[in-house]
C-alpha cells in the first residue's frame, strides 16, 4: 500500500515506513528511531493540539490515526503490479500489442 501524506505544503509519497522516514527529516522533528519519533510526535500533538489517541503501534496505524484525527491528509493507493512487460516481447503479438510501426526503443522513452 502506498501512502500520500500532506502536511501543509509538504507532500510525502511512499510506503508507510518511507513516508515516516521523510517526516523524520523535517526541521524540528524529534530525534531517535521510528518508534521514538512516533511516540514523541503523538505526545507533541497531544500537548499542542490537545488531541489524544494517536496510535503508535506501527507505521500504518500511526499514519492512519493522524489522518483520522485530521492532523494530516492521508490518501492510500494500491502499489503497481510487480509484473513488468518487456517492450521487445510486447510489440506485435505480446501481452500488450503496440501495433505496426512502433519501435521498442520509442516505448522506453
Protein backbone atom coordinates (compact mmCIF):
# COMPACT_ATOMS: atom_id res chain seq x y z
CA UNK A 1 0.00 0.00 0.00
CA UNK A 2 1.32 3.45 -0.90
CA UNK A 3 0.54 6.45 1.26
CA UNK A 4 0.32 10.08 0.20
CA UNK A 5 0.52 12.27 3.27
CA UNK A 6 0.02 16.01 3.04
CA UNK A 7 1.11 18.25 5.90
CA UNK A 8 0.58 21.89 4.98
CA UNK A 9 2.60 22.39 1.81
CA UNK A 10 4.68 19.23 2.27
CA UNK A 11 3.62 16.06 0.45
CA UNK A 12 5.16 12.68 1.16
CA UNK A 13 4.55 9.63 -1.05
CA UNK A 14 5.71 6.08 -0.45
CA UNK A 15 5.23 3.04 1.71
CA UNK A 16 4.35 3.94 5.31
CA UNK A 17 7.90 3.43 6.59
CA UNK A 18 9.27 5.56 3.73
CA UNK A 19 6.81 8.36 4.46
CA UNK A 20 7.76 8.33 8.14
CA UNK A 21 11.46 8.35 7.23
CA UNK A 22 10.84 11.52 5.20
CA UNK A 23 8.82 13.07 8.02
CA UNK A 24 11.62 12.30 10.47
CA UNK A 25 13.95 14.50 8.42
CA UNK A 26 11.76 17.59 8.81
CA UNK A 27 13.16 20.53 10.71
CA UNK A 28 12.32 20.21 14.41
CA UNK A 29 11.46 16.51 14.21
CA UNK A 30 12.11 14.59 17.41
CA UNK A 31 15.36 12.59 17.40
CA UNK A 32 15.58 8.81 17.59
CA UNK A 33 14.40 5.83 15.65
CA UNK A 34 10.98 5.47 14.04
CA UNK A 35 9.28 4.16 17.20
CA UNK A 36 10.68 7.02 19.28
CA UNK A 37 9.62 9.52 16.61
CA UNK A 38 6.02 8.27 16.59
CA UNK A 39 5.78 8.37 20.41
CA UNK A 40 7.33 11.84 20.60
CA UNK A 41 5.08 13.20 17.84
CA UNK A 42 1.98 11.74 19.49
CA UNK A 43 2.99 13.45 22.75
CA UNK A 44 3.69 16.74 20.94
CA UNK A 45 0.33 16.61 19.17
CA UNK A 46 -1.37 15.87 22.48
CA UNK A 47 0.29 18.86 24.16
CA UNK A 48 -0.02 21.41 21.37
CA UNK A 49 -3.31 20.44 19.76
CA UNK A 50 -5.00 18.70 22.69
CA UNK A 51 -5.58 15.64 20.51
CA UNK A 52 -5.09 12.24 22.10
CA UNK A 53 -5.42 8.69 20.96
CA UNK A 54 -2.69 8.70 18.32
CA UNK A 55 -1.84 5.05 17.68
CA UNK A 56 1.94 4.50 17.71
CA UNK A 57 1.91 0.70 17.46
CA UNK A 58 3.26 0.71 13.89
CA UNK A 59 3.75 2.98 10.87
CA UNK A 60 0.38 2.23 9.24
CA UNK A 61 -1.56 2.71 12.47
CA UNK A 62 0.29 5.97 13.15
CA UNK A 63 -0.38 7.49 9.73
CA UNK A 64 -3.99 6.28 9.69
CA UNK A 65 -4.51 7.70 13.17
CA UNK A 66 -3.08 11.09 12.16
CA UNK A 67 -5.41 11.13 9.16
CA UNK A 68 -8.47 10.14 11.19
CA UNK A 69 -7.75 12.91 13.72
CA UNK A 70 -7.40 15.49 10.94
CA UNK A 71 -3.75 16.24 11.74
CA UNK A 72 -2.63 15.36 8.21
CA UNK A 73 -4.37 14.45 4.97
CA UNK A 74 -3.86 10.78 4.09
CA UNK A 75 -4.62 9.07 0.79
CA UNK A 76 -3.82 5.44 0.06
CA UNK A 77 -3.15 3.73 -3.25
CA UNK A 78 -2.58 0.16 -4.29
CA UNK A 79 1.00 -0.46 -5.32
CA UNK A 80 1.61 -1.02 -9.01
CA UNK A 81 1.93 -4.59 -10.19
CA UNK A 82 5.33 -6.17 -9.85
CA UNK A 83 4.80 -7.82 -13.22
CA UNK A 84 6.63 -5.98 -15.94
CA UNK A 85 6.38 -6.36 -19.70
CA UNK A 86 9.48 -6.26 -21.87
CA UNK A 87 8.71 -3.92 -24.82
CA UNK A 88 10.58 -6.29 -27.17
CA UNK A 89 8.10 -9.04 -26.29
CA UNK A 90 5.07 -6.76 -26.37
CA UNK A 91 5.48 -5.27 -29.83
CA UNK A 92 3.30 -7.08 -32.32
CA UNK A 93 1.73 -10.05 -30.54
CA UNK A 94 2.79 -9.97 -26.88
CA UNK A 95 0.53 -9.43 -23.86
CA UNK A 96 0.26 -5.81 -25.00
CA UNK A 97 0.40 -5.17 -28.70
CA UNK A 98 1.60 -1.70 -29.70
CA UNK A 99 0.85 -2.25 -33.35
CA UNK A 100 2.82 -1.84 -36.56
CA UNK A 101 5.37 0.92 -36.81
CA UNK A 102 6.11 1.11 -33.06
CA UNK A 103 9.78 0.72 -32.24
CA UNK A 104 10.54 -0.78 -28.78
CA UNK A 105 13.14 1.98 -28.29
CA UNK A 106 10.34 4.55 -28.57
CA UNK A 107 8.44 2.76 -25.79
CA UNK A 108 11.45 3.14 -23.48
CA UNK A 109 11.33 6.91 -23.96
